[in-house]
């Protein structure tokens, strides 16, 4: 659950994410595996939070 705020920041403000988490690759939030962090990652992110494993 601690990852929710950083995930939302990555979606809404990638530059802010990079400034806040300079040592964490933003593509860690690419939970659907398409090479981008975008709104398409939300469902797979929620599935991971629920213990659904990797999408």
N, C-alpha and C. Protein backbone atom coordinates (compact mmCIF):
# COMPACT_ATOMS: atom_id res chain seq x y z
N UNK A 1 0.81 -1.20 0.00
CA UNK A 1 0.00 0.00 0.00
C UNK A 1 0.85 1.26 0.00
N UNK A 2 2.09 1.14 0.44
CA UNK A 2 2.97 2.30 0.48
C UNK A 2 3.34 2.79 -0.92
N UNK A 3 3.09 1.97 -1.94
CA UNK A 3 3.46 2.34 -3.30
C UNK A 3 2.40 3.17 -4.02
N UNK A 4 1.24 3.30 -3.47
CA UNK A 4 0.14 3.97 -4.17
C UNK A 4 0.49 5.42 -4.50
N UNK A 5 0.97 6.18 -3.52
CA UNK A 5 1.26 7.59 -3.78
C UNK A 5 2.34 7.77 -4.83
N UNK A 6 3.39 6.95 -4.78
CA UNK A 6 4.45 7.08 -5.77
C UNK A 6 3.97 6.66 -7.16
N UNK A 7 3.10 5.66 -7.23
CA UNK A 7 2.52 5.25 -8.51
C UNK A 7 1.68 6.37 -9.11
N UNK A 8 0.84 6.99 -8.30
CA UNK A 8 0.01 8.09 -8.77
C UNK A 8 0.89 9.26 -9.22
N UNK A 9 1.94 9.55 -8.48
CA UNK A 9 2.86 10.61 -8.86
C UNK A 9 3.50 10.30 -10.21
N UNK A 10 3.91 9.06 -10.42
CA UNK A 10 4.51 8.66 -11.71
C UNK A 10 3.53 8.86 -12.85
N UNK A 11 2.26 8.57 -12.62
CA UNK A 11 1.25 8.76 -13.66
C UNK A 11 0.98 10.23 -13.94
N UNK A 12 0.83 11.00 -12.87
CA UNK A 12 0.38 12.38 -13.01
C UNK A 12 1.51 13.36 -13.29
N UNK A 13 2.71 13.05 -12.80
CA UNK A 13 3.81 14.01 -12.89
C UNK A 13 5.15 13.27 -12.97
N UNK A 14 5.48 12.74 -14.14
CA UNK A 14 6.72 11.96 -14.27
C UNK A 14 7.97 12.74 -13.85
N UNK A 15 8.03 14.02 -14.14
CA UNK A 15 9.19 14.81 -13.72
C UNK A 15 9.26 14.93 -12.20
N UNK A 16 8.12 15.10 -11.58
CA UNK A 16 8.06 15.13 -10.12
C UNK A 16 8.47 13.81 -9.51
N UNK A 17 8.07 12.72 -10.16
CA UNK A 17 8.48 11.39 -9.71
C UNK A 17 9.99 11.26 -9.77
N UNK A 18 10.58 11.66 -10.90
CA UNK A 18 12.04 11.55 -11.07
C UNK A 18 12.78 12.38 -10.03
N UNK A 19 12.24 13.55 -9.69
CA UNK A 19 12.88 14.41 -8.69
C UNK A 19 12.74 13.82 -7.28
N UNK A 20 11.60 13.21 -7.01
CA UNK A 20 11.34 12.66 -5.69
C UNK A 20 12.04 11.33 -5.46
N UNK A 21 12.11 10.52 -6.53
CA UNK A 21 12.71 9.18 -6.44
C UNK A 21 13.82 9.04 -7.49
N UNK A 22 14.91 9.77 -7.33
CA UNK A 22 15.94 9.78 -8.38
C UNK A 22 16.62 8.43 -8.61
N UNK A 23 16.56 7.53 -7.65
CA UNK A 23 17.22 6.24 -7.78
C UNK A 23 16.26 5.10 -8.12
N UNK A 24 15.02 5.45 -8.48
CA UNK A 24 14.03 4.42 -8.80
C UNK A 24 13.54 4.63 -10.23
N UNK A 25 13.76 3.66 -11.07
CA UNK A 25 13.36 3.73 -12.46
C UNK A 25 11.83 3.82 -12.56
N UNK A 26 11.34 4.84 -13.23
CA UNK A 26 9.89 5.03 -13.37
C UNK A 26 9.23 3.83 -14.03
N UNK A 27 9.97 3.10 -14.84
CA UNK A 27 9.38 1.94 -15.51
C UNK A 27 9.05 0.80 -14.56
N UNK A 28 9.43 0.95 -13.31
CA UNK A 28 8.97 -0.01 -12.30
C UNK A 28 7.44 0.04 -12.18
N UNK A 29 6.87 1.17 -12.56
CA UNK A 29 5.42 1.32 -12.53
C UNK A 29 4.73 0.84 -13.79
N UNK A 30 5.49 0.33 -14.74
CA UNK A 30 4.91 -0.21 -15.98
C UNK A 30 4.42 -1.62 -15.71
N UNK A 31 3.30 -1.71 -15.02
CA UNK A 31 2.80 -3.01 -14.57
C UNK A 31 2.11 -3.81 -15.66
N UNK A 32 1.80 -3.20 -16.79
CA UNK A 32 1.21 -3.98 -17.88
C UNK A 32 2.24 -4.36 -18.94
N UNK A 33 3.47 -3.92 -18.75
CA UNK A 33 4.57 -4.34 -19.60
C UNK A 33 4.61 -3.79 -21.01
N UNK A 34 3.97 -2.63 -21.24
CA UNK A 34 3.96 -2.07 -22.59
C UNK A 34 5.08 -1.07 -22.84
N UNK A 35 5.95 -0.84 -21.85
CA UNK A 35 7.06 0.07 -22.02
C UNK A 35 6.78 1.50 -21.61
N UNK A 36 5.60 1.76 -21.10
CA UNK A 36 5.20 3.10 -20.67
C UNK A 36 4.51 3.03 -19.33
N UNK A 37 4.62 4.09 -18.54
CA UNK A 37 3.81 4.22 -17.33
C UNK A 37 2.66 5.14 -17.71
N UNK A 38 1.47 4.56 -17.79
CA UNK A 38 0.30 5.32 -18.21
C UNK A 38 -0.94 4.73 -17.53
N UNK A 39 -2.08 5.28 -17.87
CA UNK A 39 -3.31 4.87 -17.20
C UNK A 39 -3.67 3.41 -17.48
N UNK A 40 -3.08 2.83 -18.50
CA UNK A 40 -3.27 1.40 -18.77
C UNK A 40 -2.66 0.52 -17.69
N UNK A 41 -1.81 1.08 -16.85
CA UNK A 41 -1.17 0.32 -15.78
C UNK A 41 -2.01 0.22 -14.52
N UNK A 42 -3.08 0.96 -14.44
CA UNK A 42 -3.85 1.01 -13.19
C UNK A 42 -4.43 -0.36 -12.82
N UNK A 43 -5.09 -1.03 -13.73
CA UNK A 43 -5.72 -2.32 -13.39
C UNK A 43 -4.70 -3.35 -12.95
N UNK A 44 -3.58 -3.44 -13.64
CA UNK A 44 -2.57 -4.43 -13.25
C UNK A 44 -1.89 -4.02 -11.94
N UNK A 45 -1.75 -2.74 -11.69
CA UNK A 45 -1.21 -2.27 -10.41
C UNK A 45 -2.13 -2.69 -9.26
N UNK A 46 -3.43 -2.48 -9.44
CA UNK A 46 -4.41 -2.86 -8.41
C UNK A 46 -4.38 -4.36 -8.20
N UNK A 47 -4.25 -5.13 -9.28
CA UNK A 47 -4.18 -6.59 -9.14
C UNK A 47 -2.95 -7.00 -8.33
N UNK A 48 -1.82 -6.32 -8.55
CA UNK A 48 -0.62 -6.61 -7.78
C UNK A 48 -0.81 -6.28 -6.30
N UNK A 49 -1.50 -5.18 -6.02
CA UNK A 49 -1.76 -4.81 -4.64
C UNK A 49 -2.62 -5.85 -3.94
N UNK A 50 -3.52 -6.44 -4.70
CA UNK A 50 -4.42 -7.46 -4.14
C UNK A 50 -3.79 -8.83 -4.04
N UNK A 51 -2.51 -8.94 -4.37
CA UNK A 51 -1.84 -10.22 -4.27
C UNK A 51 -2.01 -11.09 -5.50
N UNK A 52 -2.45 -10.47 -6.59
CA UNK A 52 -2.68 -11.22 -7.82
C UNK A 52 -1.43 -11.60 -8.58
N UNK A 53 -0.27 -11.21 -8.08
CA UNK A 53 0.96 -11.54 -8.78
C UNK A 53 1.16 -10.68 -9.99
N UNK A 54 2.15 -11.03 -10.77
CA UNK A 54 2.43 -10.23 -11.96
C UNK A 54 1.36 -10.46 -13.01
N UNK A 55 1.00 -9.38 -13.72
CA UNK A 55 -0.08 -9.49 -14.71
C UNK A 55 0.30 -10.35 -15.89
